């Protein structure tokens, strides 16, 4: 199985980051492949913009949403 671990914290030494790394280490030991999606490092903006609201009303997918859907798939 491939495991995608998602993290969004500005401090790479945070408790959340340590938990994510330990979780991934355990998944590797169990024979799984892993990938980390470090949303903070990628510049992820959690705010819902007006452009996204308008696109959602028009049932269009924005490029960043399509990219994240592909990563999850």
C-alpha atoms as a PDB file:
ATOM      1  CA  UNK A   1       0.000   0.000   0.000  1.00  0.00           C
ATOM      2  CA  UNK A   2       1.133   3.554  -0.646  1.00  0.00           C
ATOM      3  CA  UNK A   3       0.623   5.912   2.309  1.00  0.00           C
ATOM      4  CA  UNK A   4       0.304   9.665   1.854  1.00  0.00           C
ATOM      5  CA  UNK A   5       0.983  11.523   5.116  1.00  0.00           C
ATOM      6  CA  UNK A   6      -0.233  15.106   5.242  1.00  0.00           C
ATOM      7  CA  UNK A   7       1.433  17.681   7.491  1.00  0.00           C
ATOM      8  CA  UNK A   8       0.845  21.423   7.777  1.00  0.00           C
ATOM      9  CA  UNK A   9       2.975  22.964  10.493  1.00  0.00           C
ATOM     10  CA  UNK A  10       5.538  25.771  10.200  1.00  0.00           C
ATOM     11  CA  UNK A  11       8.004  24.169  12.636  1.00  0.00           C
ATOM     12  CA  UNK A  12       9.749  21.054  11.260  1.00  0.00           C
ATOM     13  CA  UNK A  13      10.660  20.114  14.864  1.00  0.00           C
ATOM     14  CA  UNK A  14       7.044  20.315  16.081  1.00  0.00           C
ATOM     15  CA  UNK A  15       5.263  17.445  17.799  1.00  0.00           C
ATOM     16  CA  UNK A  16       3.090  17.051  14.677  1.00  0.00           C
ATOM     17  CA  UNK A  17       6.138  16.748  12.427  1.00  0.00           C
ATOM     18  CA  UNK A  18       7.768  14.183  14.719  1.00  0.00           C
ATOM     19  CA  UNK A  19       4.552  12.151  14.816  1.00  0.00           C
ATOM     20  CA  UNK A  20       4.307  12.284  11.012  1.00  0.00           C
ATOM     21  CA  UNK A  21       7.901  11.066  10.590  1.00  0.00           C
ATOM     22  CA  UNK A  22       7.448   8.265  13.142  1.00  0.00           C
ATOM     23  CA  UNK A  23       4.208   7.218  11.478  1.00  0.00           C
ATOM     24  CA  UNK A  24       5.958   7.076   8.113  1.00  0.00           C
ATOM     25  CA  UNK A  25       8.858   5.092   9.591  1.00  0.00           C
ATOM     26  CA  UNK A  26       6.358   2.563  10.945  1.00  0.00           C
ATOM     27  CA  UNK A  27       4.621   2.315   7.597  1.00  0.00           C
ATOM     28  CA  UNK A  28       7.959   1.664   5.875  1.00  0.00           C
ATOM     29  CA  UNK A  29       8.812  -1.039   8.433  1.00  0.00           C
ATOM     30  CA  UNK A  30       5.433  -2.625   7.673  1.00  0.00           C
ATOM     31  CA  UNK A  31       6.402  -2.795   3.995  1.00  0.00           C
ATOM     32  CA  UNK A  32       4.490   0.183   2.657  1.00  0.00           C
ATOM     33  CA  UNK A  33       5.723   2.991   0.437  1.00  0.00           C
ATOM     34  CA  UNK A  34       5.248   6.482   1.831  1.00  0.00           C
ATOM     35  CA  UNK A  35       5.142  10.086   0.723  1.00  0.00           C
ATOM     36  CA  UNK A  36       4.953  13.243   2.830  1.00  0.00           C
ATOM     37  CA  UNK A  37       2.781  16.147   1.722  1.00  0.00           C
ATOM     38  CA  UNK A  38       4.225  19.028   3.753  1.00  0.00           C
ATOM     39  CA  UNK A  39       1.605  21.639   2.981  1.00  0.00           C
ATOM     40  CA  UNK A  40       3.339  24.442   4.856  1.00  0.00           C
ATOM     41  CA  UNK A  41       6.603  23.867   2.974  1.00  0.00           C
ATOM     42  CA  UNK A  42       4.621  23.844  -0.293  1.00  0.00           C
ATOM     43  CA  UNK A  43       3.100  27.242   0.506  1.00  0.00           C
ATOM     44  CA  UNK A  44      -0.436  25.920   1.018  1.00  0.00           C
ATOM     45  CA  UNK A  45      -2.943  28.665   1.829  1.00  0.00           C
ATOM     46  CA  UNK A  46      -5.858  27.246   3.849  1.00  0.00           C
ATOM     47  CA  UNK A  47      -8.082  30.253   3.204  1.00  0.00           C
ATOM     48  CA  UNK A  48     -10.963  29.843   0.767  1.00  0.00           C
ATOM     49  CA  UNK A  49     -10.579  32.668  -1.750  1.00  0.00           C
ATOM     50  CA  UNK A  50     -13.293  34.424  -3.706  1.00  0.00           C
ATOM     51  CA  UNK A  51     -11.864  32.903  -6.912  1.00  0.00           C
ATOM     52  CA  UNK A  52     -12.347  29.445  -5.445  1.00  0.00           C
ATOM     53  CA  UNK A  53     -15.892  30.268  -4.371  1.00  0.00           C
ATOM     54  CA  UNK A  54     -16.732  31.547  -7.845  1.00  0.00           C
ATOM     55  CA  UNK A  55     -15.141  28.518  -9.515  1.00  0.00           C
ATOM     56  CA  UNK A  56     -17.047  26.230  -7.174  1.00  0.00           C
ATOM     57  CA  UNK A  57     -20.308  27.965  -8.116  1.00  0.00           C
ATOM     58  CA  UNK A  58     -19.485  27.329 -11.778  1.00  0.00           C
ATOM     59  CA  UNK A  59     -18.541  23.709 -11.028  1.00  0.00           C
ATOM     60  CA  UNK A  60     -14.987  24.235 -12.320  1.00  0.00           C
ATOM     61  CA  UNK A  61     -11.980  22.648 -10.706  1.00  0.00           C
ATOM     62  CA  UNK A  62      -9.054  24.954 -10.030  1.00  0.00           C
ATOM     63  CA  UNK A  63      -5.602  23.643 -11.036  1.00  0.00           C
ATOM     64  CA  UNK A  64      -4.381  23.306  -7.447  1.00  0.00           C
ATOM     65  CA  UNK A  65      -7.440  21.233  -6.546  1.00  0.00           C
ATOM     66  CA  UNK A  66      -6.928  18.968  -9.549  1.00  0.00           C
ATOM     67  CA  UNK A  67      -3.255  18.514  -8.590  1.00  0.00           C
ATOM     68  CA  UNK A  68      -4.150  17.536  -5.012  1.00  0.00           C
ATOM     69  CA  UNK A  69      -6.826  15.121  -6.225  1.00  0.00           C
ATOM     70  CA  UNK A  70      -4.222  13.480  -8.453  1.00  0.00           C
ATOM     71  CA  UNK A  71      -1.763  13.217  -5.565  1.00  0.00           C
ATOM     72  CA  UNK A  72      -4.381  11.502  -3.410  1.00  0.00           C
ATOM     73  CA  UNK A  73      -5.413   9.161  -6.229  1.00  0.00           C
END
